[in-house]
Amino acid sequence: MSTRTALRLDPQAEADLQFLAEIYGTQTAAMKSALAALAERERRFAAMRDFIAETEADSGDLTETELETARELFG
C-alpha cells in the first residue's frame, strides 16, 4: 500500500528535486531513488559503527589496517 506525503521544500531542495526528476523521469521516482540511496548509505554507516564497536569490545582499539579494512567493506 502506498501513502501520499506532502513536503515543504526550500528553493535549493526544489531545484535539486527538479534536477533529479529530469534524470529519473518524475519527481516521485527521483524521491524514491534518493530515499533509497540515503537509507542504504545510513545502513552501511550503522553496520560499520557496529562492526567497530564489536571488534573493539572483543580486542581493543582497531589498528589503522583494521580501520582501512572496515572502510573497504562498508564504504
N, C-alpha and C. Protein backbone atom coordinates (compact mmCIF):
# COMPACT_ATOMS: atom_id res chain seq x y z
N MET A 1 0.84 -1.18 0.00
CA MET A 1 0.00 0.00 0.00
C MET A 1 0.88 1.24 0.00
N SER A 2 0.59 2.17 -0.85
CA SER A 2 1.38 3.38 -0.91
C SER A 2 0.67 4.50 -0.15
N THR A 3 1.47 5.43 0.33
CA THR A 3 0.92 6.58 1.02
C THR A 3 1.35 7.85 0.30
N ARG A 4 0.61 8.89 0.49
CA ARG A 4 0.93 10.18 -0.11
C ARG A 4 1.48 11.06 0.99
N THR A 5 2.61 11.70 0.70
CA THR A 5 3.27 12.57 1.66
C THR A 5 3.51 13.93 1.01
N ALA A 6 3.22 14.98 1.74
CA ALA A 6 3.49 16.34 1.25
C ALA A 6 4.74 16.87 1.94
N LEU A 7 5.57 17.53 1.16
CA LEU A 7 6.81 18.10 1.69
C LEU A 7 6.87 19.58 1.37
N ARG A 8 7.43 20.34 2.29
CA ARG A 8 7.73 21.74 2.01
C ARG A 8 9.22 21.81 1.73
N LEU A 9 9.56 22.28 0.56
CA LEU A 9 10.95 22.33 0.14
C LEU A 9 11.43 23.77 0.03
N ASP A 10 12.66 23.99 0.49
CA ASP A 10 13.26 25.30 0.28
C ASP A 10 13.69 25.38 -1.19
N PRO A 11 14.05 26.56 -1.67
CA PRO A 11 14.39 26.70 -3.09
C PRO A 11 15.50 25.75 -3.56
N GLN A 12 16.52 25.53 -2.75
CA GLN A 12 17.60 24.64 -3.17
C GLN A 12 17.11 23.21 -3.28
N ALA A 13 16.33 22.75 -2.31
CA ALA A 13 15.79 21.40 -2.36
C ALA A 13 14.86 21.23 -3.55
N GLU A 14 14.08 22.25 -3.86
CA GLU A 14 13.19 22.19 -5.03
C GLU A 14 14.02 22.09 -6.31
N ALA A 15 15.10 22.85 -6.40
CA ALA A 15 15.97 22.77 -7.57
C ALA A 15 16.63 21.39 -7.67
N ASP A 16 17.04 20.85 -6.53
CA ASP A 16 17.63 19.51 -6.51
C ASP A 16 16.61 18.47 -6.99
N LEU A 17 15.39 18.59 -6.52
CA LEU A 17 14.34 17.65 -6.93
C LEU A 17 14.08 17.76 -8.43
N GLN A 18 14.02 18.96 -8.94
CA GLN A 18 13.80 19.14 -10.38
C GLN A 18 14.95 18.52 -11.19
N PHE A 19 16.17 18.74 -10.72
CA PHE A 19 17.34 18.17 -11.39
C PHE A 19 17.24 16.65 -11.43
N LEU A 20 16.92 16.05 -10.28
CA LEU A 20 16.81 14.59 -10.22
C LEU A 20 15.62 14.08 -11.01
N ALA A 21 14.53 14.82 -11.03
CA ALA A 21 13.35 14.41 -11.79
C ALA A 21 13.67 14.32 -13.28
N GLU A 22 14.52 15.21 -13.77
CA GLU A 22 14.92 15.14 -15.18
C GLU A 22 15.70 13.87 -15.47
N ILE A 23 16.45 13.39 -14.49
CA ILE A 23 17.23 12.17 -14.66
C ILE A 23 16.36 10.94 -14.51
N TYR A 24 15.50 10.92 -13.47
CA TYR A 24 14.71 9.73 -13.14
C TYR A 24 13.32 9.72 -13.76
N GLY A 25 12.95 10.78 -14.44
CA GLY A 25 11.69 10.77 -15.17
C GLY A 25 10.54 11.48 -14.48
N THR A 26 10.43 11.34 -13.17
CA THR A 26 9.36 12.00 -12.41
C THR A 26 9.90 12.41 -11.05
N GLN A 27 9.19 13.33 -10.41
CA GLN A 27 9.57 13.71 -9.06
C GLN A 27 9.43 12.53 -8.10
N THR A 28 8.40 11.73 -8.30
CA THR A 28 8.21 10.56 -7.44
C THR A 28 9.36 9.58 -7.57
N ALA A 29 9.75 9.28 -8.78
CA ALA A 29 10.87 8.36 -9.00
C ALA A 29 12.16 8.94 -8.42
N ALA A 30 12.34 10.24 -8.57
CA ALA A 30 13.53 10.89 -8.03
C ALA A 30 13.55 10.78 -6.51
N MET A 31 12.43 11.04 -5.87
CA MET A 31 12.36 10.96 -4.40
C MET A 31 12.59 9.53 -3.92
N LYS A 32 11.98 8.56 -4.58
CA LYS A 32 12.17 7.17 -4.19
C LYS A 32 13.63 6.76 -4.32
N SER A 33 14.26 7.16 -5.42
CA SER A 33 15.67 6.82 -5.63
C SER A 33 16.56 7.50 -4.59
N ALA A 34 16.29 8.76 -4.32
CA ALA A 34 17.09 9.50 -3.34
C ALA A 34 16.93 8.90 -1.94
N LEU A 35 15.71 8.58 -1.56
CA LEU A 35 15.48 7.97 -0.24
C LEU A 35 16.16 6.61 -0.13
N ALA A 36 16.08 5.82 -1.18
CA ALA A 36 16.71 4.50 -1.16
C ALA A 36 18.22 4.63 -1.03
N ALA A 37 18.82 5.58 -1.76
CA ALA A 37 20.27 5.77 -1.69
C ALA A 37 20.70 6.26 -0.31
N LEU A 38 19.95 7.18 0.26
CA LEU A 38 20.26 7.69 1.59
C LEU A 38 20.11 6.61 2.64
N ALA A 39 19.05 5.83 2.57
CA ALA A 39 18.84 4.75 3.53
C ALA A 39 19.95 3.71 3.44
N GLU A 40 20.36 3.36 2.23
CA GLU A 40 21.44 2.39 2.05
C GLU A 40 22.74 2.92 2.64
N ARG A 41 23.04 4.19 2.41
CA ARG A 41 24.25 4.79 2.97
C ARG A 41 24.23 4.75 4.49
N GLU A 42 23.10 5.09 5.08
CA GLU A 42 22.99 5.09 6.54
C GLU A 42 23.08 3.67 7.11
N ARG A 43 22.54 2.68 6.38
CA ARG A 43 22.67 1.28 6.82
C ARG A 43 24.13 0.85 6.81
N ARG A 44 24.89 1.24 5.77
CA ARG A 44 26.32 0.92 5.72
C ARG A 44 27.06 1.58 6.87
N PHE A 45 26.77 2.84 7.15
CA PHE A 45 27.42 3.54 8.26
C PHE A 45 27.10 2.86 9.58
N ALA A 46 25.85 2.46 9.78
CA ALA A 46 25.45 1.78 11.01
C ALA A 46 26.17 0.45 11.14
N ALA A 47 26.27 -0.29 10.03
CA ALA A 47 26.97 -1.58 10.06
C ALA A 47 28.44 -1.38 10.39
N MET A 48 29.05 -0.33 9.86
CA MET A 48 30.45 -0.06 10.15
C MET A 48 30.63 0.30 11.63
N ARG A 49 29.75 1.15 12.15
CA ARG A 49 29.84 1.51 13.57
C ARG A 49 29.67 0.27 14.46
N ASP A 50 28.72 -0.60 14.11
CA ASP A 50 28.51 -1.83 14.88
C ASP A 50 29.73 -2.74 14.81
N PHE A 51 30.31 -2.87 13.61
CA PHE A 51 31.50 -3.69 13.43
C PHE A 51 32.65 -3.18 14.28
N ILE A 52 32.87 -1.88 14.25
CA ILE A 52 33.96 -1.29 15.02
C ILE A 52 33.71 -1.48 16.52
N ALA A 53 32.51 -1.21 16.97
CA ALA A 53 32.20 -1.35 18.40
C ALA A 53 32.38 -2.80 18.86
N GLU A 54 31.90 -3.75 18.07
CA GLU A 54 32.02 -5.17 18.42
C GLU A 54 33.49 -5.60 18.46
N THR A 55 34.23 -5.20 17.46
CA THR A 55 35.64 -5.57 17.38
C THR A 55 36.42 -4.95 18.53
N GLU A 56 36.17 -3.68 18.82
CA GLU A 56 36.88 -3.03 19.91
C GLU A 56 36.50 -3.63 21.26
N ALA A 57 35.26 -4.05 21.41
CA ALA A 57 34.84 -4.69 22.67
C ALA A 57 35.56 -6.02 22.86
N ASP A 58 35.82 -6.73 21.75
CA ASP A 58 36.48 -8.02 21.82
C ASP A 58 37.99 -7.92 21.97
N SER A 59 38.60 -6.90 21.29
CA SER A 59 40.07 -6.91 21.25
C SER A 59 40.73 -5.54 21.36
N GLY A 60 40.03 -4.55 21.83
CA GLY A 60 40.63 -3.23 21.99
C GLY A 60 40.51 -2.39 20.73
N ASP A 61 41.16 -1.24 20.77
CA ASP A 61 41.07 -0.29 19.66
C ASP A 61 41.56 -0.92 18.35
N LEU A 62 40.91 -0.53 17.27
CA LEU A 62 41.31 -1.02 15.95
C LEU A 62 42.61 -0.36 15.51
N THR A 63 43.38 -1.12 14.78
CA THR A 63 44.59 -0.57 14.16
C THR A 63 44.18 0.18 12.89
N GLU A 64 45.09 0.95 12.34
CA GLU A 64 44.80 1.65 11.10
C GLU A 64 44.50 0.67 9.97
N THR A 65 45.17 -0.47 9.95
CA THR A 65 44.91 -1.50 8.94
C THR A 65 43.49 -2.04 9.07
N GLU A 66 43.06 -2.30 10.30
CA GLU A 66 41.70 -2.79 10.52
C GLU A 66 40.66 -1.73 10.14
N LEU A 67 40.94 -0.47 10.44
CA LEU A 67 40.02 0.60 10.04
C LEU A 67 39.92 0.70 8.52
N GLU A 68 41.04 0.53 7.84
CA GLU A 68 41.03 0.56 6.38
C GLU A 68 40.20 -0.61 5.82
N THR A 69 40.33 -1.78 6.42
CA THR A 69 39.52 -2.93 6.01
C THR A 69 38.04 -2.63 6.19
N ALA A 70 37.70 -2.02 7.32
CA ALA A 70 36.29 -1.66 7.57
C ALA A 70 35.80 -0.66 6.52
N ARG A 71 36.61 0.31 6.17
CA ARG A 71 36.24 1.28 5.14
C ARG A 71 36.00 0.58 3.80
N GLU A 72 36.84 -0.38 3.47
CA GLU A 72 36.68 -1.12 2.21
C GLU A 72 35.39 -1.95 2.21
N LEU A 73 35.08 -2.55 3.34
CA LEU A 73 33.90 -3.41 3.44
C LEU A 73 32.61 -2.60 3.45
N PHE A 74 32.60 -1.46 4.13
CA PHE A 74 31.37 -0.73 4.36
C PHE A 74 31.27 0.60 3.62
N GLY A 75 32.28 0.93 2.83
CA GLY A 75 32.22 2.13 2.01
C GLY A 75 32.48 3.42 2.69
